[in-house]
Amino acid sequence: MARSVPSKATPLLRFRAKIEINGINPFVAVDAACATRLKPGWRKPLPVQVQVNGEPEPPWRINLMPRGDGSFYLYLHEQVRDASGTKVGDVVDVGIRFDEDYRAGPAHPMPRWFGEALERNDRAREGWHALPPSRKKEILRYFAGLKSQEAQARNLAQVLHVLAGGKARFMARDWNADPKEG
């Protein structure tokens, strides 16, 4: 899960934007000119600290996701929307700054129950290693929020199935679906 971090001396870059939706994910579009002011020439996920309507304090730490044309998606985590009292369709004041303290890598450790299951399943382990780092981080963040052993077991069965090449829906995403079907 992204985290709130103490504010830095660098001021936030501010702009107004409408909260839109991409599938099930609320976002604000960050145009190429704004992204260039944050970090010129950056084309991969861009680590930032963000506030919406001045909240949360301290700013939330997250990555802007590239759209392929120099612009980015700023996906708005539920905690940011709750703190700012906003929803899809609202026009909001956004403040962002490049996160100088960002360090790549998973924010959450791999749960033992998941790591042990991957060790026993060659196909799923190969699927795990083939995932981009952002997808691994997303899965580990999701697993960190699971509370019960039942939820862990249910999600473990699903993730092993899709990582091994099975078709299914997991974490609000279709995995291994034939692009011709649909």
N, C-alpha and C. Protein backbone atom coordinates (compact mmCIF):
# COMPACT_ATOMS: atom_id res chain seq x y z
N MET A 1 0.84 -1.16 0.00
CA MET A 1 0.00 0.00 0.00
C MET A 1 0.89 1.23 0.00
N ALA A 2 0.49 2.22 -0.76
CA ALA A 2 1.22 3.48 -0.74
C ALA A 2 1.10 4.07 0.66
N ARG A 3 1.98 4.96 1.00
CA ARG A 3 2.02 5.47 2.36
C ARG A 3 2.05 7.00 2.36
N SER A 4 1.57 7.55 3.47
CA SER A 4 1.75 8.98 3.68
C SER A 4 3.18 9.20 4.15
N VAL A 5 3.74 10.32 3.76
CA VAL A 5 5.12 10.64 4.15
C VAL A 5 5.17 12.09 4.60
N PRO A 6 6.13 12.43 5.42
CA PRO A 6 6.26 13.83 5.83
C PRO A 6 6.51 14.74 4.63
N SER A 7 6.01 15.96 4.71
CA SER A 7 6.19 16.93 3.63
C SER A 7 7.65 17.30 3.46
N LYS A 8 8.02 17.62 2.24
CA LYS A 8 9.38 18.08 1.92
C LYS A 8 9.33 19.60 1.75
N ALA A 9 10.50 20.20 1.67
CA ALA A 9 10.58 21.65 1.47
C ALA A 9 10.13 22.04 0.06
N THR A 10 10.30 21.14 -0.93
CA THR A 10 9.90 21.44 -2.30
C THR A 10 8.39 21.64 -2.36
N PRO A 11 7.93 22.76 -2.90
CA PRO A 11 6.48 22.98 -2.95
C PRO A 11 5.79 22.01 -3.90
N LEU A 12 4.53 21.77 -3.63
CA LEU A 12 3.72 20.93 -4.50
C LEU A 12 3.40 21.68 -5.79
N LEU A 13 3.43 20.99 -6.91
CA LEU A 13 2.96 21.51 -8.19
C LEU A 13 1.44 21.39 -8.15
N ARG A 14 0.73 22.46 -8.38
CA ARG A 14 -0.73 22.45 -8.20
C ARG A 14 -1.45 22.65 -9.54
N PHE A 15 -2.59 21.93 -9.67
CA PHE A 15 -3.47 22.08 -10.83
C PHE A 15 -4.86 21.59 -10.45
N ARG A 16 -5.84 21.93 -11.30
CA ARG A 16 -7.23 21.46 -11.10
C ARG A 16 -7.52 20.40 -12.15
N ALA A 17 -8.29 19.39 -11.74
CA ALA A 17 -8.63 18.31 -12.65
C ALA A 17 -9.90 17.62 -12.17
N LYS A 18 -10.54 16.93 -13.09
CA LYS A 18 -11.74 16.16 -12.79
C LYS A 18 -11.32 14.71 -12.48
N ILE A 19 -11.90 14.14 -11.43
CA ILE A 19 -11.66 12.74 -11.12
C ILE A 19 -12.47 11.90 -12.10
N GLU A 20 -11.77 11.07 -12.86
CA GLU A 20 -12.39 10.20 -13.84
C GLU A 20 -12.24 8.75 -13.38
N ILE A 21 -12.70 7.81 -14.20
CA ILE A 21 -12.59 6.40 -13.83
C ILE A 21 -12.02 5.62 -15.00
N ASN A 22 -11.11 4.70 -14.71
CA ASN A 22 -10.52 3.80 -15.70
C ASN A 22 -10.82 2.38 -15.21
N GLY A 23 -11.81 1.73 -15.81
CA GLY A 23 -12.27 0.45 -15.29
C GLY A 23 -12.92 0.69 -13.94
N ILE A 24 -12.28 0.22 -12.88
CA ILE A 24 -12.79 0.45 -11.53
C ILE A 24 -11.91 1.43 -10.75
N ASN A 25 -10.92 2.01 -11.42
CA ASN A 25 -9.90 2.81 -10.75
C ASN A 25 -10.10 4.31 -10.96
N PRO A 26 -10.45 5.06 -9.91
CA PRO A 26 -10.54 6.52 -10.03
C PRO A 26 -9.15 7.11 -10.27
N PHE A 27 -9.10 8.11 -11.13
CA PHE A 27 -7.81 8.74 -11.45
C PHE A 27 -8.00 10.19 -11.84
N VAL A 28 -6.88 10.90 -11.83
CA VAL A 28 -6.80 12.25 -12.38
C VAL A 28 -5.73 12.19 -13.47
N ALA A 29 -5.99 12.78 -14.61
CA ALA A 29 -5.00 12.83 -15.69
C ALA A 29 -3.97 13.92 -15.39
N VAL A 30 -2.69 13.55 -15.57
CA VAL A 30 -1.59 14.50 -15.41
C VAL A 30 -0.99 14.67 -16.80
N ASP A 31 -1.14 15.85 -17.39
CA ASP A 31 -0.69 16.04 -18.77
C ASP A 31 0.84 16.03 -18.86
N ALA A 32 1.32 15.89 -20.08
CA ALA A 32 2.76 15.77 -20.33
C ALA A 32 3.53 17.00 -19.85
N ALA A 33 2.97 18.18 -20.02
CA ALA A 33 3.67 19.40 -19.58
C ALA A 33 3.86 19.41 -18.07
N CYS A 34 2.83 19.02 -17.34
CA CYS A 34 2.92 18.97 -15.88
C CYS A 34 3.93 17.90 -15.46
N ALA A 35 3.87 16.73 -16.09
CA ALA A 35 4.80 15.64 -15.76
C ALA A 35 6.24 16.07 -16.03
N THR A 36 6.45 16.81 -17.10
CA THR A 36 7.80 17.29 -17.43
C THR A 36 8.31 18.26 -16.37
N ARG A 37 7.42 19.07 -15.82
CA ARG A 37 7.83 19.99 -14.75
C ARG A 37 8.23 19.22 -13.49
N LEU A 38 7.63 18.04 -13.27
CA LEU A 38 8.00 17.21 -12.12
C LEU A 38 9.36 16.54 -12.32
N LYS A 39 9.52 15.92 -13.51
CA LYS A 39 10.74 15.15 -13.79
C LYS A 39 10.87 15.03 -15.31
N PRO A 40 11.67 15.88 -15.95
CA PRO A 40 11.80 15.86 -17.41
C PRO A 40 12.27 14.51 -17.94
N GLY A 41 11.63 14.06 -19.03
CA GLY A 41 12.04 12.85 -19.73
C GLY A 41 11.67 11.54 -19.08
N TRP A 42 10.92 11.56 -18.00
CA TRP A 42 10.57 10.33 -17.27
C TRP A 42 9.47 9.59 -18.03
N ARG A 43 9.66 8.29 -18.30
CA ARG A 43 8.68 7.51 -19.06
C ARG A 43 8.17 6.27 -18.32
N LYS A 44 8.68 6.00 -17.13
CA LYS A 44 8.24 4.84 -16.35
C LYS A 44 7.40 5.34 -15.19
N PRO A 45 6.85 4.43 -14.34
CA PRO A 45 6.08 4.93 -13.19
C PRO A 45 6.87 5.99 -12.43
N LEU A 46 6.19 7.11 -12.17
CA LEU A 46 6.83 8.30 -11.60
C LEU A 46 6.44 8.44 -10.13
N PRO A 47 7.40 8.27 -9.21
CA PRO A 47 7.07 8.35 -7.79
C PRO A 47 6.79 9.79 -7.36
N VAL A 48 5.64 9.98 -6.73
CA VAL A 48 5.23 11.32 -6.30
C VAL A 48 4.62 11.27 -4.91
N GLN A 49 4.50 12.45 -4.34
CA GLN A 49 3.68 12.66 -3.16
C GLN A 49 2.50 13.50 -3.62
N VAL A 50 1.30 13.18 -3.14
CA VAL A 50 0.10 13.81 -3.67
C VAL A 50 -0.85 14.24 -2.54
N GLN A 51 -1.53 15.35 -2.81
CA GLN A 51 -2.66 15.79 -2.00
C GLN A 51 -3.79 16.15 -2.94
N VAL A 52 -5.02 15.89 -2.49
CA VAL A 52 -6.22 16.28 -3.22
C VAL A 52 -7.02 17.18 -2.27
N ASN A 53 -7.30 18.39 -2.75
CA ASN A 53 -7.97 19.40 -1.92
C ASN A 53 -7.24 19.58 -0.58
N GLY A 54 -5.90 19.52 -0.62
CA GLY A 54 -5.09 19.76 0.57
C GLY A 54 -4.97 18.58 1.52
N GLU A 55 -5.51 17.42 1.15
CA GLU A 55 -5.47 16.24 2.02
C GLU A 55 -4.87 15.06 1.26
N PRO A 56 -4.30 14.08 1.90
CA PRO A 56 -4.07 14.02 3.34
C PRO A 56 -2.82 14.81 3.71
N GLU A 57 -2.66 15.03 4.97
CA GLU A 57 -1.46 15.67 5.50
C GLU A 57 -0.83 14.70 6.47
N PRO A 58 0.37 14.24 6.25
CA PRO A 58 1.26 14.56 5.15
C PRO A 58 0.78 13.96 3.83
N PRO A 59 1.36 14.42 2.70
CA PRO A 59 0.96 13.92 1.38
C PRO A 59 1.12 12.40 1.26
N TRP A 60 0.31 11.82 0.40
CA TRP A 60 0.31 10.38 0.12
C TRP A 60 1.39 10.06 -0.90
N ARG A 61 2.05 8.95 -0.74
CA ARG A 61 3.14 8.51 -1.63
C ARG A 61 2.57 7.46 -2.59
N ILE A 62 2.77 7.69 -3.89
CA ILE A 62 2.25 6.78 -4.91
C ILE A 62 3.02 7.00 -6.21
N ASN A 63 2.81 6.14 -7.20
CA ASN A 63 3.42 6.32 -8.52
C ASN A 63 2.39 6.81 -9.52
N LEU A 64 2.77 7.81 -10.33
CA LEU A 64 2.00 8.15 -11.52
C LEU A 64 2.29 7.06 -12.53
N MET A 65 1.28 6.62 -13.27
CA MET A 65 1.46 5.55 -14.25
C MET A 65 1.43 6.12 -15.67
N PRO A 66 2.46 5.82 -16.46
CA PRO A 66 2.55 6.40 -17.81
C PRO A 66 1.41 5.95 -18.71
N ARG A 67 0.96 6.88 -19.57
CA ARG A 67 -0.09 6.59 -20.54
C ARG A 67 0.48 6.31 -21.93
N GLY A 68 1.79 6.51 -22.11
CA GLY A 68 2.43 6.23 -23.38
C GLY A 68 2.63 7.43 -24.28
N ASP A 69 2.07 8.57 -23.89
CA ASP A 69 2.19 9.77 -24.72
C ASP A 69 2.85 10.92 -23.96
N GLY A 70 3.51 10.59 -22.84
CA GLY A 70 4.13 11.62 -22.01
C GLY A 70 3.25 12.07 -20.86
N SER A 71 1.96 11.73 -20.93
CA SER A 71 1.06 12.04 -19.82
C SER A 71 0.99 10.83 -18.89
N PHE A 72 0.34 11.04 -17.74
CA PHE A 72 0.28 9.99 -16.71
C PHE A 72 -1.11 9.90 -16.11
N TYR A 73 -1.41 8.73 -15.56
CA TYR A 73 -2.57 8.54 -14.70
C TYR A 73 -2.11 8.74 -13.26
N LEU A 74 -2.85 9.51 -12.49
CA LEU A 74 -2.66 9.59 -11.06
C LEU A 74 -3.85 8.87 -10.44
N TYR A 75 -3.65 7.58 -10.13
CA TYR A 75 -4.72 6.79 -9.53
C TYR A 75 -4.91 7.25 -8.09
N LEU A 76 -6.15 7.46 -7.70
CA LEU A 76 -6.45 8.02 -6.38
C LEU A 76 -6.92 6.91 -5.44
N HIS A 77 -6.04 6.54 -4.54
CA HIS A 77 -6.30 5.51 -3.54
C HIS A 77 -7.52 5.91 -2.70
N GLU A 78 -8.24 4.93 -2.23
CA GLU A 78 -9.43 5.17 -1.42
C GLU A 78 -9.14 6.06 -0.21
N GLN A 79 -7.99 5.87 0.42
CA GLN A 79 -7.66 6.70 1.58
C GLN A 79 -7.48 8.17 1.21
N VAL A 80 -6.97 8.43 0.01
CA VAL A 80 -6.82 9.82 -0.44
C VAL A 80 -8.21 10.41 -0.72
N ARG A 81 -9.07 9.64 -1.37
CA ARG A 81 -10.43 10.12 -1.66
C ARG A 81 -11.22 10.33 -0.38
N ASP A 82 -11.08 9.40 0.58
CA ASP A 82 -11.78 9.57 1.86
C ASP A 82 -11.28 10.80 2.61
N ALA A 83 -9.95 10.97 2.67
CA ALA A 83 -9.38 12.11 3.39
C ALA A 83 -9.83 13.44 2.77
N SER A 84 -9.95 13.46 1.44
CA SER A 84 -10.31 14.69 0.74
C SER A 84 -11.81 14.85 0.53
N GLY A 85 -12.58 13.83 0.89
CA GLY A 85 -14.03 13.90 0.73
C GLY A 85 -14.46 14.00 -0.73
N THR A 86 -13.76 13.29 -1.61
CA THR A 86 -14.04 13.42 -3.05
C THR A 86 -14.49 12.10 -3.64
N LYS A 87 -15.07 12.21 -4.85
CA LYS A 87 -15.54 11.03 -5.59
C LYS A 87 -15.39 11.29 -7.08
N VAL A 88 -15.60 10.22 -7.86
CA VAL A 88 -15.54 10.33 -9.32
C VAL A 88 -16.52 11.40 -9.78
N GLY A 89 -16.05 12.25 -10.68
CA GLY A 89 -16.85 13.34 -11.22
C GLY A 89 -16.54 14.69 -10.58
N ASP A 90 -15.93 14.69 -9.39
CA ASP A 90 -15.58 15.94 -8.73
C ASP A 90 -14.41 16.61 -9.43
N VAL A 91 -14.43 17.93 -9.49
CA VAL A 91 -13.27 18.71 -9.93
C VAL A 91 -12.51 19.09 -8.66
N VAL A 92 -11.23 18.76 -8.64
CA VAL A 92 -10.44 18.88 -7.41
C VAL A 92 -9.16 19.67 -7.64
N ASP A 93 -8.61 20.17 -6.54
CA ASP A 93 -7.29 20.79 -6.55
C ASP A 93 -6.29 19.68 -6.23
N VAL A 94 -5.31 19.49 -7.12
CA VAL A 94 -4.31 18.44 -6.96
C VAL A 94 -2.97 19.10 -6.70
N GLY A 95 -2.24 18.56 -5.75
CA GLY A 95 -0.87 18.98 -5.49
C GLY A 95 0.03 17.77 -5.56
N ILE A 96 1.08 17.82 -6.39
CA ILE A 96 2.02 16.70 -6.50
C ILE A 96 3.45 17.22 -6.52
N ARG A 97 4.35 16.38 -6.05
CA ARG A 97 5.79 16.67 -6.15
C ARG A 97 6.51 15.35 -6.37
N PHE A 98 7.63 15.41 -7.09
CA PHE A 98 8.46 14.23 -7.27
C PHE A 98 8.92 13.74 -5.91
N ASP A 99 8.88 12.43 -5.70
CA ASP A 99 9.27 11.84 -4.42
C ASP A 99 10.75 11.46 -4.47
N GLU A 100 11.58 12.36 -3.99
CA GLU A 100 13.04 12.17 -4.02
C GLU A 100 13.49 10.96 -3.21
N ASP A 101 12.70 10.57 -2.21
CA ASP A 101 13.08 9.46 -1.33
C ASP A 101 12.62 8.11 -1.83
N TYR A 102 12.00 8.07 -3.00
CA TYR A 102 11.48 6.81 -3.53
C TYR A 102 12.61 5.81 -3.73
N ARG A 103 12.36 4.59 -3.33
CA ARG A 103 13.27 3.47 -3.58
C ARG A 103 12.46 2.36 -4.21
N ALA A 104 12.94 1.85 -5.34
CA ALA A 104 12.22 0.80 -6.06
C ALA A 104 12.15 -0.46 -5.22
N GLY A 105 11.20 -1.31 -5.58
CA GLY A 105 11.09 -2.59 -4.91
C GLY A 105 9.77 -2.71 -4.18
N PRO A 106 9.39 -3.94 -3.85
CA PRO A 106 8.12 -4.15 -3.16
C PRO A 106 8.05 -3.39 -1.84
N ALA A 107 6.91 -2.81 -1.57
CA ALA A 107 6.70 -2.10 -0.32
C ALA A 107 6.33 -3.07 0.79
N HIS A 108 5.89 -4.27 0.44
CA HIS A 108 5.48 -5.27 1.42
C HIS A 108 6.29 -6.54 1.19
N PRO A 109 6.69 -7.20 2.27
CA PRO A 109 7.42 -8.47 2.11
C PRO A 109 6.48 -9.55 1.60
N MET A 110 7.04 -10.57 1.00
CA MET A 110 6.24 -11.70 0.54
C MET A 110 5.80 -12.51 1.76
N PRO A 111 4.50 -12.73 1.92
CA PRO A 111 4.04 -13.55 3.04
C PRO A 111 4.61 -14.97 2.93
N ARG A 112 4.93 -15.55 4.07
CA ARG A 112 5.51 -16.89 4.08
C ARG A 112 4.61 -17.89 3.36
N TRP A 113 3.30 -17.80 3.59
CA TRP A 113 2.36 -18.75 3.00
C TRP A 113 2.36 -18.67 1.47
N PHE A 114 2.64 -17.48 0.93
CA PHE A 114 2.70 -17.31 -0.52
C PHE A 114 4.05 -17.80 -1.05
N GLY A 115 5.13 -17.42 -0.41
CA GLY A 115 6.46 -17.84 -0.84
C GLY A 115 6.62 -19.36 -0.83
N GLU A 116 6.12 -20.00 0.22
CA GLU A 116 6.21 -21.46 0.30
C GLU A 116 5.40 -22.13 -0.80
N ALA A 117 4.22 -21.58 -1.10
CA ALA A 117 3.38 -22.14 -2.17
C ALA A 117 4.06 -21.98 -3.53
N LEU A 118 4.72 -20.84 -3.77
CA LEU A 118 5.44 -20.65 -5.03
C LEU A 118 6.59 -21.65 -5.16
N GLU A 119 7.26 -21.93 -4.05
CA GLU A 119 8.37 -22.90 -4.09
C GLU A 119 7.89 -24.28 -4.51
N ARG A 120 6.65 -24.61 -4.19
CA ARG A 120 6.11 -25.94 -4.51
C ARG A 120 5.45 -26.01 -5.88
N ASN A 121 5.31 -24.88 -6.57
CA ASN A 121 4.58 -24.85 -7.83
C ASN A 121 5.46 -24.19 -8.90
N ASP A 122 6.12 -25.01 -9.71
CA ASP A 122 7.07 -24.49 -10.70
C ASP A 122 6.42 -23.52 -11.69
N ARG A 123 5.25 -23.88 -12.21
CA ARG A 123 4.60 -23.02 -13.22
C ARG A 123 4.20 -21.67 -12.62
N ALA A 124 3.65 -21.70 -11.42
CA ALA A 124 3.25 -20.44 -10.78
C ALA A 124 4.49 -19.59 -10.46
N ARG A 125 5.57 -20.23 -10.02
CA ARG A 125 6.80 -19.50 -9.72
C ARG A 125 7.34 -18.84 -10.98
N GLU A 126 7.32 -19.54 -12.11
CA GLU A 126 7.76 -18.94 -13.38
C GLU A 126 6.86 -17.76 -13.75
N GLY A 127 5.55 -17.92 -13.54
CA GLY A 127 4.61 -16.83 -13.81
C GLY A 127 4.88 -15.62 -12.93
N TRP A 128 5.22 -15.87 -11.66
CA TRP A 128 5.54 -14.79 -10.73
C TRP A 128 6.77 -14.03 -11.21
N HIS A 129 7.81 -14.76 -11.59
CA HIS A 129 9.05 -14.11 -12.03
C HIS A 129 8.86 -13.35 -13.35
N ALA A 130 7.86 -13.73 -14.13
CA ALA A 130 7.61 -13.06 -15.40
C ALA A 130 6.79 -11.76 -15.23
N LEU A 131 6.19 -11.56 -14.07
CA LEU A 131 5.38 -10.36 -13.85
C LEU A 131 6.26 -9.11 -13.77
N PRO A 132 5.73 -7.99 -14.24
CA PRO A 132 6.46 -6.73 -14.05
C PRO A 132 6.48 -6.37 -12.56
N PRO A 133 7.50 -5.63 -12.12
CA PRO A 133 7.60 -5.27 -10.70
C PRO A 133 6.35 -4.58 -10.16
N SER A 134 5.69 -3.77 -10.97
CA SER A 134 4.50 -3.07 -10.48
C SER A 134 3.38 -4.05 -10.15
N ARG A 135 3.24 -5.11 -10.92
CA ARG A 135 2.19 -6.10 -10.66
C ARG A 135 2.54 -6.92 -9.41
N LYS A 136 3.82 -7.25 -9.24
CA LYS A 136 4.24 -7.96 -8.03
C LYS A 136 3.93 -7.11 -6.80
N LYS A 137 4.27 -5.83 -6.88
CA LYS A 137 4.02 -4.91 -5.76
C LYS A 137 2.53 -4.83 -5.45
N GLU A 138 1.70 -4.80 -6.49
CA GLU A 138 0.25 -4.73 -6.32
C GLU A 138 -0.26 -5.98 -5.59
N ILE A 139 0.22 -7.15 -5.99
CA ILE A 139 -0.22 -8.40 -5.36
C ILE A 139 0.24 -8.44 -3.91
N LEU A 140 1.49 -8.10 -3.65
CA LEU A 140 1.99 -8.12 -2.27
C LEU A 140 1.25 -7.12 -1.38
N ARG A 141 0.91 -5.96 -1.93
CA ARG A 141 0.12 -4.97 -1.19
C ARG A 141 -1.25 -5.55 -0.85
N TYR A 142 -1.87 -6.21 -1.82
CA TYR A 142 -3.18 -6.83 -1.61
C TYR A 142 -3.09 -7.91 -0.53
N PHE A 143 -2.09 -8.77 -0.63
CA PHE A 143 -1.94 -9.85 0.34
C PHE A 143 -1.70 -9.32 1.75
N ALA A 144 -1.00 -8.19 1.88
CA ALA A 144 -0.73 -7.61 3.19
C ALA A 144 -2.02 -7.21 3.90
N GLY A 145 -3.07 -6.96 3.15
CA GLY A 145 -4.34 -6.55 3.74
C GLY A 145 -5.26 -7.70 4.09
N LEU A 146 -4.91 -8.91 3.73
CA LEU A 146 -5.76 -10.06 4.04
C LEU A 146 -5.65 -10.40 5.52
N LYS A 147 -6.78 -10.54 6.19
CA LYS A 147 -6.78 -10.75 7.64
C LYS A 147 -6.95 -12.21 8.04
N SER A 148 -7.87 -12.91 7.41
CA SER A 148 -8.19 -14.26 7.86
C SER A 148 -7.43 -15.32 7.06
N GLN A 149 -7.27 -16.48 7.68
CA GLN A 149 -6.64 -17.60 6.98
C GLN A 149 -7.50 -18.05 5.81
N GLU A 150 -8.81 -17.92 5.95
CA GLU A 150 -9.72 -18.29 4.86
C GLU A 150 -9.49 -17.40 3.64
N ALA A 151 -9.34 -16.10 3.88
CA ALA A 151 -9.09 -15.16 2.78
C ALA A 151 -7.73 -15.45 2.15
N GLN A 152 -6.74 -15.76 2.98
CA GLN A 152 -5.42 -16.10 2.45
C GLN A 152 -5.50 -17.34 1.58
N ALA A 153 -6.16 -18.39 2.07
CA ALA A 153 -6.27 -19.64 1.31
C ALA A 153 -7.01 -19.44 0.01
N ARG A 154 -8.12 -18.70 0.04
CA ARG A 154 -8.92 -18.45 -1.16
C ARG A 154 -8.10 -17.67 -2.20
N ASN A 155 -7.41 -16.62 -1.76
CA ASN A 155 -6.62 -15.81 -2.69
C ASN A 155 -5.37 -16.54 -3.16
N LEU A 156 -4.79 -17.38 -2.30
CA LEU A 156 -3.63 -18.17 -2.71
C LEU A 156 -4.01 -19.12 -3.84
N ALA A 157 -5.15 -19.78 -3.71
CA ALA A 157 -5.59 -20.69 -4.78
C ALA A 157 -5.78 -19.93 -6.09
N GLN A 158 -6.38 -18.74 -6.01
CA GLN A 158 -6.60 -17.95 -7.22
C GLN A 158 -5.30 -17.49 -7.85
N VAL A 159 -4.38 -16.96 -7.04
CA VAL A 159 -3.15 -16.44 -7.62
C VAL A 159 -2.29 -17.55 -8.19
N LEU A 160 -2.24 -18.70 -7.53
CA LEU A 160 -1.45 -19.82 -8.09
C LEU A 160 -2.04 -20.26 -9.42
N HIS A 161 -3.37 -20.28 -9.51
CA HIS A 161 -4.04 -20.68 -10.76
C HIS A 161 -3.68 -19.73 -11.90
N VAL A 162 -3.78 -18.42 -11.67
CA VAL A 162 -3.52 -17.48 -12.76
C VAL A 162 -2.03 -17.37 -13.07
N LEU A 163 -1.18 -17.47 -12.06
CA LEU A 163 0.26 -17.41 -12.33
C LEU A 163 0.73 -18.63 -13.11
N ALA A 164 0.04 -19.75 -12.94
CA ALA A 164 0.39 -20.97 -13.67
C ALA A 164 -0.21 -20.99 -15.07
N GLY A 165 -0.92 -19.93 -15.43
CA GLY A 165 -1.46 -19.82 -16.79
C GLY A 165 -2.95 -20.01 -16.90
N GLY A 166 -3.64 -20.25 -15.79
CA GLY A 166 -5.08 -20.45 -15.83
C GLY A 166 -5.84 -19.16 -16.09
N LYS A 167 -6.97 -19.30 -16.74
CA LYS A 167 -7.83 -18.15 -17.00
C LYS A 167 -8.75 -17.94 -15.81
N ALA A 168 -8.79 -16.71 -15.32
CA ALA A 168 -9.67 -16.38 -14.19
C ALA A 168 -9.66 -14.87 -13.99
N ARG A 169 -10.53 -14.44 -13.11
CA ARG A 169 -10.57 -13.06 -12.69
C ARG A 169 -9.96 -13.02 -11.29
N PHE A 170 -8.94 -12.17 -11.12
CA PHE A 170 -8.27 -12.04 -9.84
C PHE A 170 -7.87 -10.58 -9.66
N MET A 171 -8.18 -10.02 -8.52
CA MET A 171 -7.87 -8.62 -8.22
C MET A 171 -8.43 -7.68 -9.29
N ALA A 172 -9.71 -7.91 -9.61
CA ALA A 172 -10.45 -7.05 -10.56
C ALA A 172 -9.83 -6.99 -11.94
N ARG A 173 -9.18 -8.08 -12.33
CA ARG A 173 -8.49 -8.12 -13.63
C ARG A 173 -8.67 -9.51 -14.23
N ASP A 174 -8.87 -9.58 -15.55
CA ASP A 174 -8.91 -10.85 -16.26
C ASP A 174 -7.47 -11.28 -16.53
N TRP A 175 -7.15 -12.50 -16.15
CA TRP A 175 -5.81 -13.04 -16.33
C TRP A 175 -5.84 -14.09 -17.42
N ASN A 176 -4.88 -14.02 -18.32
CA ASN A 176 -4.64 -15.03 -19.36
C ASN A 176 -5.84 -15.20 -20.28
N ALA A 177 -6.64 -14.17 -20.43
CA ALA A 177 -7.81 -14.23 -21.31
C ALA A 177 -7.33 -14.13 -22.76
N ASP A 178 -8.02 -14.85 -23.62
CA ASP A 178 -7.74 -14.79 -25.06
C ASP A 178 -8.22 -13.43 -25.55
N PRO A 179 -7.33 -12.60 -26.14
CA PRO A 179 -7.76 -11.27 -26.58
C PRO A 179 -8.86 -11.32 -27.64
N LYS A 180 -9.03 -12.48 -28.32
CA LYS A 180 -10.08 -12.60 -29.34
C LYS A 180 -11.45 -12.84 -28.71
N GLU A 181 -11.45 -13.29 -27.42
CA GLU A 181 -12.73 -13.49 -26.73
C GLU A 181 -13.14 -12.19 -26.10
N GLY A 182 -14.01 -11.50 -26.36
CA GLY A 182 -14.30 -10.34 -25.56
C GLY A 182 -14.54 -9.17 -26.32
